[in-house]
C-alpha atoms as a PDB file:
ATOM      1  CA  MET A   1     104.625  47.529  25.201  1.00  0.00           C
ATOM      2  CA  SER A   2     104.116  46.437  29.069  1.00  0.00           C
ATOM      3  CA  SER A   3     104.676  42.931  30.420  1.00  0.00           C
ATOM      4  CA  MET A   4     101.526  41.985  30.575  1.00  0.00           C
ATOM      5  CA  HIS A   5     100.978  42.447  27.028  1.00  0.00           C
ATOM      6  CA  LEU A   6     103.940  40.551  25.783  1.00  0.00           C
ATOM      7  CA  SER A   7     102.674  38.156  28.618  1.00  0.00           C
ATOM      8  CA  GLN A   8      99.669  37.285  26.759  1.00  0.00           C
ATOM      9  CA  LEU A   9     101.458  37.960  22.926  1.00  0.00           C
ATOM     10  CA  ARG A  10     103.731  34.995  24.077  1.00  0.00           C
ATOM     11  CA  LYS A  11     101.277  33.340  25.247  1.00  0.00           C
ATOM     12  CA  TRP A  12      99.310  33.486  21.941  1.00  0.00           C
ATOM     13  CA  MET A  13     102.483  32.904  19.627  1.00  0.00           C
ATOM     14  CA  LEU A  14     102.213  29.863  21.968  1.00  0.00           C
ATOM     15  CA  GLU A  15      99.214  28.241  21.437  1.00  0.00           C
ATOM     16  CA  SER A  16      98.829  28.998  17.615  1.00  0.00           C
ATOM     17  CA  PRO A  17      98.336  25.695  15.763  1.00  0.00           C
ATOM     18  CA  PRO A  18     102.570  25.877  14.032  1.00  0.00           C
ATOM     19  CA  VAL A  19     103.963  26.203  16.754  1.00  0.00           C
ATOM     20  CA  GLU A  20     101.841  23.556  18.474  1.00  0.00           C
ATOM     21  CA  TRP A  21     102.830  21.209  16.691  1.00  0.00           C
ATOM     22  CA  ALA A  22     106.742  22.892  16.461  1.00  0.00           C
ATOM     23  CA  MET A  23     106.836  22.152  19.803  1.00  0.00           C
ATOM     24  CA  HIS A  24     105.570  18.674  19.969  1.00  0.00           C
ATOM     25  CA  ARG A  25     107.547  17.627  17.312  1.00  0.00           C
ATOM     26  CA  LEU A  26     110.717  18.889  19.474  1.00  0.00           C
ATOM     27  CA  ARG A  27     109.653  17.989  22.686  1.00  0.00           C
ATOM     28  CA  GLU A  28     109.252  13.838  20.785  1.00  0.00           C
ATOM     29  CA  MET A  29     112.811  14.589  19.367  1.00  0.00           C
ATOM     30  CA  LEU A  30     114.255  15.036  22.590  1.00  0.00           C
ATOM     31  CA  ILE A  31     112.522  12.436  23.927  1.00  0.00           C
ATOM     32  CA  GLY A  32     113.702   9.810  21.622  1.00  0.00           C
ATOM     33  CA  ALA A  33     117.482  10.836  21.923  1.00  0.00           C
ATOM     34  CA  LEU A  34     117.107  10.346  25.704  1.00  0.00           C
ATOM     35  CA  ARG A  35     116.103   7.404  24.900  1.00  0.00           C
ATOM     36  CA  GLN A  36     118.907   6.038  23.011  1.00  0.00           C
ATOM     37  CA  GLY A  37     121.214   6.646  26.546  1.00  0.00           C
ATOM     38  CA  PRO A  38     120.445   4.386  30.071  1.00  0.00           C
ATOM     39  CA  MET A  39     117.655   5.696  31.772  1.00  0.00           C
ATOM     40  CA  PRO A  40     116.579   5.617  35.198  1.00  0.00           C
ATOM     41  CA  GLN A  41     114.205   2.771  36.124  1.00  0.00           C
ATOM     42  CA  HIS A  42     112.657   4.187  39.056  1.00  0.00           C
ATOM     43  CA  VAL A  43     112.180   8.292  39.676  1.00  0.00           C
ATOM     44  CA  ALA A  44     110.385  10.087  42.612  1.00  0.00           C
ATOM     45  CA  PHE A  45     109.061  12.989  42.878  1.00  0.00           C
ATOM     46  CA  VAL A  46     108.550  15.677  45.278  1.00  0.00           C
ATOM     47  CA  MET A  47     105.936  17.692  44.011  1.00  0.00           C
ATOM     48  CA  ASP A  48     106.299  20.857  46.140  1.00  0.00           C
ATOM     49  CA  GLY A  49     105.178  24.179  45.484  1.00  0.00           C
ATOM     50  CA  ASN A  50     101.386  23.777  44.508  1.00  0.00           C
ATOM     51  CA  ARG A  51     100.302  26.683  46.864  1.00  0.00           C
ATOM     52  CA  ARG A  52     102.684  29.267  46.494  1.00  0.00           C
ATOM     53  CA  PHE A  53     102.163  28.537  42.941  1.00  0.00           C
ATOM     54  CA  ALA A  54      98.012  29.735  43.766  1.00  0.00           C
ATOM     55  CA  ARG A  55      99.618  32.320  45.149  1.00  0.00           C
ATOM     56  CA  SER A  56     102.014  33.638  43.218  1.00  0.00           C
ATOM     57  CA  HIS A  57      99.452  34.360  40.423  1.00  0.00           C
ATOM     58  CA  HIS A  58      96.639  35.438  42.083  1.00  0.00           C
ATOM     59  CA  ILE A  59      94.366  32.068  41.830  1.00  0.00           C
ATOM     60  CA  GLU A  60      92.181  30.084  44.204  1.00  0.00           C
ATOM     61  CA  THR A  61      94.702  27.270  46.260  1.00  0.00           C
ATOM     62  CA  VAL A  62      92.535  24.077  44.675  1.00  0.00           C
ATOM     63  CA  GLU A  63      93.329  26.089  41.096  1.00  0.00           C
ATOM     64  CA  GLY A  64      96.957  25.125  42.367  1.00  0.00           C
ATOM     65  CA  HIS A  65      96.688  21.867  43.429  1.00  0.00           C
ATOM     66  CA  ASN A  66      94.788  21.166  39.801  1.00  0.00           C
ATOM     67  CA  LEU A  67      97.483  22.787  37.041  1.00  0.00           C
ATOM     68  CA  GLY A  68      99.627  20.131  40.096  1.00  0.00           C
ATOM     69  CA  PHE A  69      98.134  17.544  38.778  1.00  0.00           C
ATOM     70  CA  GLU A  70      97.756  19.197  35.106  1.00  0.00           C
ATOM     71  CA  ALA A  71     101.945  18.632  35.447  1.00  0.00           C
ATOM     72  CA  LEU A  72     102.430  14.858  36.784  1.00  0.00           C
ATOM     73  CA  ALA A  73      99.901  14.132  33.664  1.00  0.00           C
ATOM     74  CA  ARG A  74     102.996  15.830  30.999  1.00  0.00           C
ATOM     75  CA  ILE A  75     106.408  14.764  33.732  1.00  0.00           C
ATOM     76  CA  LEU A  76     104.375  10.632  33.312  1.00  0.00           C
ATOM     77  CA  GLU A  77     104.474  10.507  29.754  1.00  0.00           C
ATOM     78  CA  VAL A  78     107.820  12.090  29.620  1.00  0.00           C
ATOM     79  CA  CYS A  79     109.109   9.480  31.857  1.00  0.00           C
ATOM     80  CA  TYR A  80     107.329   6.882  30.129  1.00  0.00           C
ATOM     81  CA  LYS A  81     107.933   8.110  26.844  1.00  0.00           C
ATOM     82  CA  SER A  82     112.168   7.609  27.520  1.00  0.00           C
ATOM     83  CA  GLY A  83     111.782   4.769  29.531  1.00  0.00           C
ATOM     84  CA  VAL A  84     111.587   4.644  32.788  1.00  0.00           C
ATOM     85  CA  LYS A  85     109.635   1.864  34.563  1.00  0.00           C
ATOM     86  CA  VAL A  86     108.720   3.466  37.942  1.00  0.00           C
ATOM     87  CA  VAL A  87     107.156   6.815  39.182  1.00  0.00           C
ATOM     88  CA  THR A  88     106.587   7.369  42.388  1.00  0.00           C
ATOM     89  CA  VAL A  89     105.344  10.484  44.101  1.00  0.00           C
ATOM     90  CA  TYR A  90     104.839  12.049  46.965  1.00  0.00           C
ATOM     91  CA  ALA A  91     101.337  12.827  46.866  1.00  0.00           C
ATOM     92  CA  PHE A  92     100.116  13.445  50.747  1.00  0.00           C
ATOM     93  CA  SER A  93     101.903  12.957  54.016  1.00  0.00           C
ATOM     94  CA  ILE A  94     100.908  11.757  57.247  1.00  0.00           C
ATOM     95  CA  GLU A  95     102.464  14.953  59.328  1.00  0.00           C
ATOM     96  CA  ASN A  96      99.946  16.284  56.503  1.00  0.00           C
ATOM     97  CA  PHE A  97      97.152  15.822  58.973  1.00  0.00           C
ATOM     98  CA  LYS A  98      98.665  17.711  62.280  1.00  0.00           C
ATOM     99  CA  ARG A  99      96.585  20.464  59.566  1.00  0.00           C
ATOM    100  CA  SER A 100      93.428  22.208  59.983  1.00  0.00           C
ATOM    101  CA  LYS A 101      90.467  19.710  59.478  1.00  0.00           C
ATOM    102  CA  TYR A 102      89.681  22.032  56.766  1.00  0.00           C
ATOM    103  CA  GLU A 103      92.506  22.047  54.364  1.00  0.00           C
ATOM    104  CA  VAL A 104      92.785  17.538  55.185  1.00  0.00           C
ATOM    105  CA  ASP A 105      89.182  17.730  54.303  1.00  0.00           C
ATOM    106  CA  ALA A 106      89.549  19.733  51.098  1.00  0.00           C
ATOM    107  CA  LEU A 107      92.881  17.445  50.249  1.00  0.00           C
ATOM    108  CA  MET A 108      90.761  14.305  50.375  1.00  0.00           C
ATOM    109  CA  ASP A 109      88.363  15.362  48.827  1.00  0.00           C
ATOM    110  CA  MET A 110      90.863  16.478  45.932  1.00  0.00           C
ATOM    111  CA  ALA A 111      92.628  12.847  45.877  1.00  0.00           C
ATOM    112  CA  LYS A 112      89.276  10.862  45.445  1.00  0.00           C
ATOM    113  CA  ILE A 113      88.477  13.119  42.442  1.00  0.00           C
ATOM    114  CA  LYS A 114      91.557  12.797  41.228  1.00  0.00           C
ATOM    115  CA  LEU A 115      91.865   8.868  41.617  1.00  0.00           C
ATOM    116  CA  SER A 116      89.122   9.061  39.484  1.00  0.00           C
ATOM    117  CA  GLN A 117      90.326  11.234  36.910  1.00  0.00           C
ATOM    118  CA  LEU A 118      93.288   8.903  36.643  1.00  0.00           C
ATOM    119  CA  SER A 119      91.500   5.502  36.651  1.00  0.00           C
ATOM    120  CA  GLN A 120      88.287   6.581  34.574  1.00  0.00           C
ATOM    121  CA  HIS A 121      89.765   8.972  31.877  1.00  0.00           C
ATOM    122  CA  GLY A 122      93.409   7.347  31.915  1.00  0.00           C
ATOM    123  CA  GLU A 123      93.872   6.987  28.432  1.00  0.00           C
ATOM    124  CA  LEU A 124      98.264   8.386  29.387  1.00  0.00           C
ATOM    125  CA  LEU A 125      98.341   5.009  31.946  1.00  0.00           C
ATOM    126  CA  GLN A 126      96.738   2.194  29.745  1.00  0.00           C
ATOM    127  CA  ARG A 127      98.965   3.720  26.855  1.00  0.00           C
ATOM    128  CA  TYR A 128     102.313   3.663  28.707  1.00  0.00           C
ATOM    129  CA  GLY A 129     101.241   0.504  30.322  1.00  0.00           C
ATOM    130  CA  ALA A 130     100.691   1.696  33.852  1.00  0.00           C
ATOM    131  CA  CYS A 131      99.084   0.753  36.858  1.00  0.00           C
ATOM    132  CA  ILE A 132      99.059   2.318  40.208  1.00  0.00           C
ATOM    133  CA  ARG A 133     100.111   1.388  43.759  1.00  0.00           C
ATOM    134  CA  VAL A 134      99.087   4.299  47.026  1.00  0.00           C
ATOM    135  CA  LEU A 135     101.529   3.315  49.197  1.00  0.00           C
ATOM    136  CA  GLY A 136     100.616   4.472  52.567  1.00  0.00           C
ATOM    137  CA  GLN A 137      98.465   4.242  55.423  1.00  0.00           C
ATOM    138  CA  ARG A 138      95.395   2.816  54.268  1.00  0.00           C
ATOM    139  CA  GLY A 139      93.637   2.971  58.483  1.00  0.00           C
ATOM    140  CA  LEU A 140      94.014   7.302  58.415  1.00  0.00           C
ATOM    141  CA  VAL A 141      91.955   7.559  54.799  1.00  0.00           C
ATOM    142  CA  LYS A 142      88.389   7.907  55.098  1.00  0.00           C
ATOM    143  CA  PRO A 143      85.544   5.236  53.565  1.00  0.00           C
ATOM    144  CA  ASP A 144      85.299   6.990  50.305  1.00  0.00           C
ATOM    145  CA  VAL A 145      88.613   7.763  49.389  1.00  0.00           C
ATOM    146  CA  LEU A 146      89.941   4.208  50.491  1.00  0.00           C
ATOM    147  CA  ARG A 147      86.822   3.218  47.992  1.00  0.00           C
ATOM    148  CA  ALA A 148      88.327   5.883  45.075  1.00  0.00           C
ATOM    149  CA  VAL A 149      91.540   4.508  46.135  1.00  0.00           C
ATOM    150  CA  ASP A 150      90.666   0.694  45.376  1.00  0.00           C
ATOM    151  CA  LYS A 151      88.572   1.408  42.333  1.00  0.00           C
ATOM    152  CA  ALA A 152      91.711   2.825  41.139  1.00  0.00           C
ATOM    153  CA  VAL A 153      94.276   0.212  41.866  1.00  0.00           C
ATOM    154  CA  GLU A 154      91.308  -2.406  40.391  1.00  0.00           C
ATOM    155  CA  MET A 155      91.038  -0.697  36.667  1.00  0.00           C
ATOM    156  CA  THR A 156      94.771   0.135  36.733  1.00  0.00           C
ATOM    157  CA  LYS A 157      95.987  -3.085  37.668  1.00  0.00           C
ATOM    158  CA  ASN A 158      95.884  -5.388  34.473  1.00  0.00           C
ATOM    159  CA  ASN A 159      97.572  -2.203  32.073  1.00  0.00           C
ATOM    160  CA  GLY A 160     101.313  -3.549  32.009  1.00  0.00           C
ATOM    161  CA  ASP A 161     104.744  -3.472  32.839  1.00  0.00           C
ATOM    162  CA  CYS A 162     104.952   0.382  34.093  1.00  0.00           C
ATOM    163  CA  ILE A 163     103.989   1.627  37.952  1.00  0.00           C
ATOM    164  CA  LEU A 164     103.161   4.634  39.484  1.00  0.00           C
ATOM    165  CA  ASN A 165     103.324   4.594  43.014  1.00  0.00           C
ATOM    166  CA  ILE A 166     101.417   7.297  44.723  1.00  0.00           C
ATOM    167  CA  CYS A 167     102.411   7.879  48.442  1.00  0.00           C
ATOM    168  CA  PHE A 168      99.336   8.675  50.252  1.00  0.00           C
ATOM    169  CA  PRO A 169      98.772   8.610  53.418  1.00  0.00           C
ATOM    170  CA  TYR A 170     102.476   8.106  53.534  1.00  0.00           C
ATOM    171  CA  THR A 171     105.903   8.805  55.557  1.00  0.00           C
ATOM    172  CA  SER A 172     109.129   7.412  54.994  1.00  0.00           C
ATOM    173  CA  ARG A 173     109.654   6.507  58.965  1.00  0.00           C
ATOM    174  CA  ASP A 174     106.397   4.927  59.572  1.00  0.00           C
ATOM    175  CA  GLU A 175     107.112   2.212  56.529  1.00  0.00           C
ATOM    176  CA  ILE A 176     110.331   1.492  58.590  1.00  0.00           C
ATOM    177  CA  THR A 177     108.407   0.817  61.223  1.00  0.00           C
ATOM    178  CA  SER A 178     105.867  -1.217  59.517  1.00  0.00           C
ATOM    179  CA  ALA A 179     108.804  -2.891  57.797  1.00  0.00           C
ATOM    180  CA  ILE A 180     110.264  -4.288  61.431  1.00  0.00           C
ATOM    181  CA  LYS A 181     107.152  -4.704  62.754  1.00  0.00           C
ATOM    182  CA  THR A 182     106.581  -7.446  59.628  1.00  0.00           C
ATOM    183  CA  THR A 183     109.728  -8.642  60.366  1.00  0.00           C
ATOM    184  CA  VAL A 184     109.694  -9.225  63.730  1.00  0.00           C
ATOM    185  CA  ASP A 185     106.129 -11.194  63.225  1.00  0.00           C
ATOM    186  CA  GLU A 186     107.584 -13.473  60.161  1.00  0.00           C
ATOM    187  CA  TYR A 187     110.459 -13.964  62.396  1.00  0.00           C
ATOM    188  CA  SER A 188     108.477 -15.318  65.736  1.00  0.00           C
ATOM    189  CA  LYS A 189     106.669 -17.873  64.139  1.00  0.00           C
ATOM    190  CA  PRO A 190     107.992 -21.311  63.947  1.00  0.00           C
ATOM    191  CA  LEU A 191     108.444 -22.718  60.994  1.00  0.00           C
ATOM    192  CA  SER A 192     105.606 -24.631  59.620  1.00  0.00           C
ATOM    193  CA  THR A 193     107.112 -28.533  58.672  1.00  0.00           C
ATOM    194  CA  HIS A 194     110.430 -29.751  61.053  1.00  0.00           C
ATOM    195  CA  ALA A 195     113.607 -28.995  60.203  1.00  0.00           C
ATOM    196  CA  ARG A 196     115.643 -31.536  58.225  1.00  0.00           C
ATOM    197  CA  PRO A 197     119.049 -33.316  60.364  1.00  0.00           C
ATOM    198  CA  PHE A 198     121.548 -31.287  58.262  1.00  0.00           C
ATOM    199  CA  SER A 199     119.633 -27.664  57.856  1.00  0.00           C
ATOM    200  CA  GLN A 200     122.307 -24.826  58.056  1.00  0.00           C
ATOM    201  CA  THR A 201     119.238 -23.389  60.256  1.00  0.00           C
ATOM    202  CA  ARG A 202     119.861 -27.202  62.555  1.00  0.00           C
ATOM    203  CA  ILE A 203     123.983 -26.613  62.742  1.00  0.00           C
ATOM    204  CA  THR A 204     123.194 -23.460  63.290  1.00  0.00           C
ATOM    205  CA  GLN A 205     121.469 -23.730  66.374  1.00  0.00           C
ATOM    206  CA  LYS A 206     123.223 -27.080  67.523  1.00  0.00           C
ATOM    207  CA  ILE A 207     126.347 -25.002  66.956  1.00  0.00           C
ATOM    208  CA  ARG A 208     125.670 -22.192  69.094  1.00  0.00           C
ATOM    209  CA  SER A 209     124.154 -24.444  71.886  1.00  0.00           C
ATOM    210  CA  ARG A 210     127.784 -26.478  72.337  1.00  0.00           C
ATOM    211  CA  ASN A 211     129.126 -23.070  72.540  1.00  0.00           C
ATOM    212  CA  LEU A 212     126.436 -21.803  75.215  1.00  0.00           C
ATOM    213  CA  SER A 213     127.271 -24.674  77.452  1.00  0.00           C
ATOM    214  CA  THR A 214     131.002 -24.997  77.318  1.00  0.00           C
ATOM    215  CA  SER A 215     131.323 -21.132  78.422  1.00  0.00           C
ATOM    216  CA  PRO A 216     132.240 -20.421  81.657  1.00  0.00           C
ATOM    217  CA  LEU A 217     129.197 -18.849  82.844  1.00  0.00           C
ATOM    218  CA  ARG A 218     126.833 -21.394  81.329  1.00  0.00           C
ATOM    219  CA  ALA A 219     129.306 -23.989  83.905  1.00  0.00           C
ATOM    220  CA  THR A 220     128.642 -22.647  86.374  1.00  0.00           C
ATOM    221  CA  SER A 221     124.314 -22.564  86.358  1.00  0.00           C
ATOM    222  CA  PRO A 222     122.275 -25.319  86.587  1.00  0.00           C
ATOM    223  CA  THR A 223     121.374 -27.684  83.928  1.00  0.00           C
ATOM    224  CA  PRO A 224     119.086 -29.718  82.428  1.00  0.00           C
ATOM    225  CA  SER A 225     118.710 -33.520  83.731  1.00  0.00           C
ATOM    226  CA  ASN A 226     118.264 -34.169  80.251  1.00  0.00           C
ATOM    227  CA  ASN A 227     120.634 -33.833  77.862  1.00  0.00           C
ATOM    228  CA  SER A 228     119.690 -34.761  74.760  1.00  0.00           C
ATOM    229  CA  ASP A 229     120.581 -33.797  70.566  1.00  0.00           C
ATOM    230  CA  ASN A 230     116.745 -32.080  70.639  1.00  0.00           C
ATOM    231  CA  ASP A 231     117.113 -30.054  73.679  1.00  0.00           C
ATOM    232  CA  GLU A 232     120.218 -28.700  72.643  1.00  0.00           C
ATOM    233  CA  THR A 233     119.293 -28.131  69.429  1.00  0.00           C
ATOM    234  CA  MET A 234     116.086 -26.419  70.566  1.00  0.00           C
ATOM    235  CA  SER A 235     118.250 -23.754  73.328  1.00  0.00           C
ATOM    236  CA  SER A 236     118.157 -21.301  70.614  1.00  0.00           C
ATOM    237  CA  ALA A 237     114.794 -21.375  69.912  1.00  0.00           C
ATOM    238  CA  THR A 238     114.042 -21.071  73.749  1.00  0.00           C
ATOM    239  CA  THR A 239     116.193 -18.410  74.394  1.00  0.00           C
ATOM    240  CA  LEU A 240     114.511 -16.330  71.815  1.00  0.00           C
ATOM    241  CA  HIS A 241     111.425 -17.050  71.983  1.00  0.00           C
ATOM    242  CA  GLY A 242     110.604 -17.492  75.581  1.00  0.00           C
ATOM    243  CA  GLY A 243     107.043 -15.576  75.761  1.00  0.00           C
ATOM    244  CA  SER A 244     106.329 -17.458  72.455  1.00  0.00           C
ATOM    245  CA  PRO A 245     102.987 -20.304  73.014  1.00  0.00           C
ATOM    246  CA  ASN A 246     105.553 -22.469  70.904  1.00  0.00           C
ATOM    247  CA  SER A 247     108.352 -21.969  72.146  1.00  0.00           C
ATOM    248  CA  GLY A 248     108.267 -25.672  74.749  1.00  0.00           C
ATOM    249  CA  SER A 249     106.222 -27.409  72.124  1.00  0.00           C
ATOM    250  CA  GLU A 250     108.785 -30.443  70.664  1.00  0.00           C
ATOM    251  CA  GLY A 251     110.348 -30.175  67.816  1.00  0.00           C
ATOM    252  CA  SER A 252     109.749 -26.541  67.259  1.00  0.00           C
ATOM    253  CA  ILE A 253     112.051 -24.775  65.008  1.00  0.00           C
ATOM    254  CA  TYR A 254     111.593 -20.880  64.327  1.00  0.00           C
ATOM    255  CA  PRO A 255     113.743 -19.105  61.827  1.00  0.00           C
ATOM    256  CA  ASP A 256     117.180 -17.769  63.154  1.00  0.00           C
ATOM    257  CA  PRO A 257     117.239 -14.253  63.610  1.00  0.00           C
ATOM    258  CA  GLU A 258     121.124 -13.501  62.880  1.00  0.00           C
ATOM    259  CA  THR A 259     119.599 -14.307  58.764  1.00  0.00           C
ATOM    260  CA  ILE A 260     117.677 -11.126  58.790  1.00  0.00           C
ATOM    261  CA  THR A 261     119.405  -8.481  56.298  1.00  0.00           C
ATOM    262  CA  ALA A 262     118.985  -5.385  54.755  1.00  0.00           C
ATOM    263  CA  GLU A 263     117.043  -7.807  51.968  1.00  0.00           C
ATOM    264  CA  THR A 264     114.669  -8.914  54.613  1.00  0.00           C
ATOM    265  CA  LEU A 265     113.518  -5.748  55.877  1.00  0.00           C
ATOM    266  CA  GLU A 266     113.644  -4.070  51.935  1.00  0.00           C
ATOM    267  CA  SER A 267     111.439  -7.183  50.973  1.00  0.00           C
ATOM    268  CA  HIS A 268     108.555  -6.175  53.457  1.00  0.00           C
ATOM    269  CA  LEU A 269     108.832  -2.012  52.527  1.00  0.00           C
ATOM    270  CA  LEU A 270     105.878  -0.829  50.474  1.00  0.00           C
ATOM    271  CA  THR A 271     107.876  -0.480  47.393  1.00  0.00           C
ATOM    272  CA  ALA A 272     109.510  -4.226  47.618  1.00  0.00           C
ATOM    273  CA  GLY A 273     109.790  -5.822  43.922  1.00  0.00           C
ATOM    274  CA  ASP A 274     110.241  -2.220  42.612  1.00  0.00           C
ATOM    275  CA  PRO A 275     113.766  -1.349  40.632  1.00  0.00           C
ATOM    276  CA  PRO A 276     116.363   0.250  43.059  1.00  0.00           C
ATOM    277  CA  LEU A 277     116.041   4.654  43.429  1.00  0.00           C
ATOM    278  CA  ASP A 278     117.669   6.073  40.634  1.00  0.00           C
ATOM    279  CA  LEU A 279     116.582   9.637  40.905  1.00  0.00           C
ATOM    280  CA  LEU A 280     114.907  11.912  43.627  1.00  0.00           C
ATOM    281  CA  VAL A 281     113.197  15.364  42.197  1.00  0.00           C
ATOM    282  CA  ARG A 282     111.613  17.543  44.840  1.00  0.00           C
ATOM    283  CA  THR A 283     110.828  20.978  43.110  1.00  0.00           C
ATOM    284  CA  SER A 284     110.204  24.765  44.609  1.00  0.00           C
ATOM    285  CA  GLY A 285     113.774  24.994  46.389  1.00  0.00           C
ATOM    286  CA  VAL A 286     113.488  23.307  49.178  1.00  0.00           C
ATOM    287  CA  LYS A 287     116.203  21.119  49.926  1.00  0.00           C
ATOM    288  CA  ARG A 288     115.213  18.693  52.118  1.00  0.00           C
ATOM    289  CA  LEU A 289     113.438  15.147  51.917  1.00  0.00           C
ATOM    290  CA  SER A 290     110.754  15.343  54.272  1.00  0.00           C
ATOM    291  CA  ASP A 291     110.444  11.877  55.233  1.00  0.00           C
ATOM    292  CA  PHE A 292     110.355   9.837  51.883  1.00  0.00           C
ATOM    293  CA  MET A 293     111.778   7.484  51.031  1.00  0.00           C
ATOM    294  CA  LEU A 294     114.656   7.098  53.676  1.00  0.00           C
ATOM    295  CA  TRP A 295     116.024   3.740  52.555  1.00  0.00           C
ATOM    296  CA  GLN A 296     115.113   3.454  49.445  1.00  0.00           C
ATOM    297  CA  CYS A 297     117.594   6.899  49.251  1.00  0.00           C
ATOM    298  CA  HIS A 298     121.208   4.471  48.764  1.00  0.00           C
ATOM    299  CA  GLU A 299     124.447   5.268  47.746  1.00  0.00           C
ATOM    300  CA  THR A 300     124.323   5.790  43.621  1.00  0.00           C
ATOM    301  CA  THR A 301     120.580   7.299  44.326  1.00  0.00           C
ATOM    302  CA  GLU A 302     120.835  11.300  42.677  1.00  0.00           C
ATOM    303  CA  VAL A 303     119.414  14.092  44.470  1.00  0.00           C
ATOM    304  CA  VAL A 304     117.885  17.600  42.635  1.00  0.00           C
ATOM    305  CA  PHE A 305     116.376  19.785  44.230  1.00  0.00           C
ATOM    306  CA  LEU A 306     115.017  22.481  41.059  1.00  0.00           C
ATOM    307  CA  ASP A 307     113.736  26.031  42.498  1.00  0.00           C
ATOM    308  CA  CYS A 308     110.341  25.921  39.726  1.00  0.00           C
ATOM    309  CA  LEU A 309     107.544  25.418  41.746  1.00  0.00           C
ATOM    310  CA  TRP A 310     105.863  22.098  40.750  1.00  0.00           C
ATOM    311  CA  PRO A 311     102.868  23.584  38.267  1.00  0.00           C
ATOM    312  CA  GLU A 312     105.548  25.136  36.359  1.00  0.00           C
ATOM    313  CA  PHE A 313     107.938  21.558  35.755  1.00  0.00           C
ATOM    314  CA  ASP A 314     107.974  20.221  32.179  1.00  0.00           C
ATOM    315  CA  LEU A 315     110.218  18.688  29.736  1.00  0.00           C
ATOM    316  CA  TRP A 316     112.068  21.722  29.812  1.00  0.00           C
ATOM    317  CA  GLN A 317     113.293  21.643  33.655  1.00  0.00           C
ATOM    318  CA  PHE A 318     113.631  18.028  33.445  1.00  0.00           C
ATOM    319  CA  LEU A 319     115.984  17.172  30.706  1.00  0.00           C
ATOM    320  CA  PRO A 320     118.567  19.103  31.709  1.00  0.00           C
ATOM    321  CA  VAL A 321     118.430  16.233  34.930  1.00  0.00           C
ATOM    322  CA  LEU A 322     118.059  13.620  32.592  1.00  0.00           C
ATOM    323  CA  LEU A 323     120.935  14.922  30.883  1.00  0.00           C
ATOM    324  CA  GLU A 324     122.816  15.088  34.005  1.00  0.00           C
ATOM    325  CA  TRP A 325     122.196  11.907  35.107  1.00  0.00           C
ATOM    326  CA  GLN A 326     122.859  10.169  32.172  1.00  0.00           C
ATOM    327  CA  TRP A 327     126.528  11.641  31.872  1.00  0.00           C
ATOM    328  CA  LYS A 328     127.500  10.757  35.346  1.00  0.00           C
ATOM    329  CA  GLN A 329     126.122   7.782  34.085  1.00  0.00           C
ATOM    330  CA  LYS A 330     128.379   7.186  31.484  1.00  0.00           C
ATOM    331  CA  HIS A 331     131.236   8.216  33.671  1.00  0.00           C
ATOM    332  CA  VAL A 332     130.590   5.287  36.178  1.00  0.00           C
ATOM    333  CA  GLU A 333     130.716   2.667  32.850  1.00  0.00           C
ATOM    334  CA  GLU A 334     133.642   4.332  32.106  1.00  0.00           C
ATOM    335  CA  ARG A 335     136.161   4.113  34.966  1.00  0.00           C
ATOM    336  CA  ALA A 336     134.476   0.284  34.823  1.00  0.00           C
ATOM    337  CA  LEU A 337     135.700  -0.626  31.831  1.00  0.00           C
ATOM    338  CA  GLY A 338     138.950   1.269  32.631  1.00  0.00           C
ATOM    339  CA  ASN A 339     139.362  -0.659  35.573  1.00  0.00           C
ATOM    340  CA  GLY A 340     138.478  -3.833  33.416  1.00  0.00           C
ATOM    341  CA  MET A 341     134.724  -4.682  35.643  1.00  0.00           C
ATOM    342  CA  VAL A 342     131.518  -5.372  34.566  1.00  0.00           C
ATOM    343  CA  LYS A 343     129.231  -2.401  35.761  1.00  0.00           C
ATOM    344  CA  PRO A 344     127.808  -2.845  38.849  1.00  0.00           C
ATOM    345  CA  LYS A 345     124.479  -3.475  39.249  1.00  0.00           C
ATOM    346  CA  THR A 346     122.438  -0.541  41.674  1.00  0.00           C
ATOM    347  CA  LYS A 347     121.546  -2.321  44.788  1.00  0.00           C
ATOM    348  CA  ALA A 348     119.749  -1.020  48.033  1.00  0.00           C
ATOM    349  CA  ARG A 349     121.305  -0.381  51.093  1.00  0.00           C
END
């Protein structure tokens, strides 16, 4: 019997009602078993391989993307059923705008259609209480696609605690750059209220200004005639924000840049408020991150590269990944207990 006939026979058997029922029950049992152990709270996917799948199966590229969307729906159901709270998918890179106009327009139109399908026929998202968030550069999106984005976000905003982050159009470098710009802008504005006499910021600035005034370099430079406490306190702010129109105004206090931490920048990322990234999966056998979630990938994030193409990805490819993640988490807990320590919470860098 030829391979084509064997493939047709296998497809017919899998689609028969008894086999479908048995497979459904098996899926439910496996997902239920996964829930008994620790589950990643934030999982990200690089959905790679739609076009290669279409070429290898001699179908239109658009059909390959449609099958990729079906794969996403299957994986979202597995994730939300098993206890994952946040799923982030890489839908469109800013670098994709370098492709031909025809391909970019086709991808934008497809995004508009798929977002409409998710929001208008989003039984899956409603069932598991998931809301859509679209992360990326809104200014690069066409107005009609932007309307579909806003509609999808609006229609799902009250669904529940789970989140589907759709990165579109997005790169991690752009996200980090925007976070830095926002932080600089925030620290360049004077505080709205006067500093308290013994506030931490006021004390820090006063100590710094006294150290500067007593240093050898400072002693050789001309000093102003008025050395009031207020002038000493404000010297740091004037130095840091000399170009600001409010830098010379009496009583203006600026946030101390020494207080900027990794958490400060993290609070301005597009994923602010989401759990730390526990697991990142990329299909198609390509072993690179492609400028995706670079900041969110921290020291305990598990990064997995799979050889299957995205339209082929389902529970049977995802199950070994989740089981391995659970096994590693169990050993982390055992080591922590063996050392007499409480298991540390996963934190982004």
